[in-house]
Amino acid sequence: MRNITINGVKFSTFEHAGETYLCTGNPTGKFQFDYAGEFNDYYTVEGATSVVSGNKSVEDLYEEWLDRTEFYRSIGIRF
């Protein structure tokens, strides 16, 4: 697990099964099974407050994170 800071936000990154994960909070790198859906199983990263993942670069994941957290950041939530 690697810790980085991008534009003042602290992230942790790690790889699992060929995907890169970009997380805020205090992720452990371990996954917790949440539930089995009709099309997908759902997991969370233990200790993380927000997560984006994919077969992408950290820069691309950061752009995705900005998009997904836009509302929360607009109302003052800090990560």
Protein backbone atom coordinates (compact mmCIF):
# COMPACT_ATOMS: atom_id res chain seq x y z
CA MET A 1 0.00 0.00 0.00
CA ARG A 2 1.31 3.42 -0.95
CA ASN A 3 0.23 6.73 0.59
CA ILE A 4 0.06 9.80 -1.63
CA THR A 5 -1.34 13.32 -1.42
CA ILE A 6 -3.05 14.90 -4.43
CA ASN A 7 -4.18 18.53 -4.17
CA GLY A 8 -4.17 18.34 -0.38
CA VAL A 9 -6.20 15.11 -0.14
CA LYS A 10 -4.51 12.05 1.36
CA PHE A 11 -5.03 8.81 -0.55
CA SER A 12 -3.85 5.24 -0.24
CA THR A 13 -3.34 3.15 -3.34
CA PHE A 14 -2.93 -0.59 -3.76
CA GLU A 15 -3.40 -3.24 -6.41
CA HIS A 16 -5.54 -6.36 -6.18
CA ALA A 17 -6.41 -8.83 -8.94
CA GLY A 18 -5.07 -6.53 -11.64
CA GLU A 19 -7.04 -3.47 -10.53
CA THR A 20 -5.69 -0.33 -8.90
CA TYR A 21 -7.61 1.04 -5.89
CA LEU A 22 -7.53 4.69 -4.83
CA CYS A 23 -8.96 5.18 -1.33
CA THR A 24 -9.42 7.85 1.30
CA GLY A 25 -9.66 7.15 5.01
CA ASN A 26 -7.58 4.43 6.63
CA PRO A 27 -7.94 1.44 4.32
CA THR A 28 -6.47 -1.87 5.39
CA GLY A 29 -6.29 -3.32 1.89
CA LYS A 30 -8.69 -6.07 2.98
CA PHE A 31 -12.12 -6.57 1.45
CA GLN A 32 -15.39 -7.18 3.26
CA PHE A 33 -18.21 -8.98 1.46
CA ASP A 34 -21.41 -6.92 1.66
CA TYR A 35 -23.98 -8.82 -0.36
CA ALA A 36 -24.61 -10.80 -3.51
CA GLY A 37 -26.61 -8.96 -6.12
CA GLU A 38 -28.36 -10.37 -9.14
CA PHE A 39 -25.51 -9.41 -11.48
CA ASN A 40 -22.58 -8.61 -9.15
CA ASP A 41 -21.27 -9.30 -5.67
CA TYR A 42 -20.55 -6.19 -3.64
CA TYR A 43 -17.52 -5.63 -1.44
CA THR A 44 -16.12 -2.72 0.54
CA VAL A 45 -12.51 -1.91 1.39
CA GLU A 46 -12.20 -2.05 5.19
CA GLY A 47 -11.36 1.34 6.72
CA ALA A 48 -11.90 3.34 3.51
CA THR A 49 -14.28 6.30 3.37
CA SER A 50 -14.30 6.50 -0.44
CA VAL A 51 -12.97 4.13 -3.10
CA VAL A 52 -12.55 4.16 -6.86
CA SER A 53 -10.95 1.31 -8.72
CA GLY A 54 -10.24 0.02 -12.16
CA ASN A 55 -7.61 -0.95 -14.64
CA LYS A 56 -6.53 2.71 -14.89
CA SER A 57 -3.71 5.00 -13.85
CA VAL A 58 -3.82 6.81 -10.51
CA GLU A 59 -4.35 10.08 -12.42
CA ASP A 60 -7.42 8.66 -14.19
CA LEU A 61 -8.76 7.24 -10.93
CA TYR A 62 -8.31 10.64 -9.28
CA GLU A 63 -10.39 12.26 -12.05
CA GLU A 64 -13.07 9.60 -11.48
CA TRP A 65 -12.90 10.23 -7.72
CA LEU A 66 -13.39 13.98 -8.30
CA ASP A 67 -16.48 13.23 -10.38
CA ARG A 68 -17.97 10.76 -7.89
CA THR A 69 -17.39 12.95 -4.81
CA GLU A 70 -18.33 16.28 -6.39
CA PHE A 71 -21.60 16.64 -4.47
CA TYR A 72 -20.12 15.70 -1.09
CA ARG A 73 -17.23 18.12 -1.54
CA SER A 74 -19.66 20.87 -2.65
CA ILE A 75 -21.52 20.69 0.69
CA GLY A 76 -18.30 20.85 2.69
CA ILE A 77 -17.44 17.22 3.42
CA ARG A 78 -13.69 16.79 3.55
CA PHE A 79 -11.89 13.59 2.73
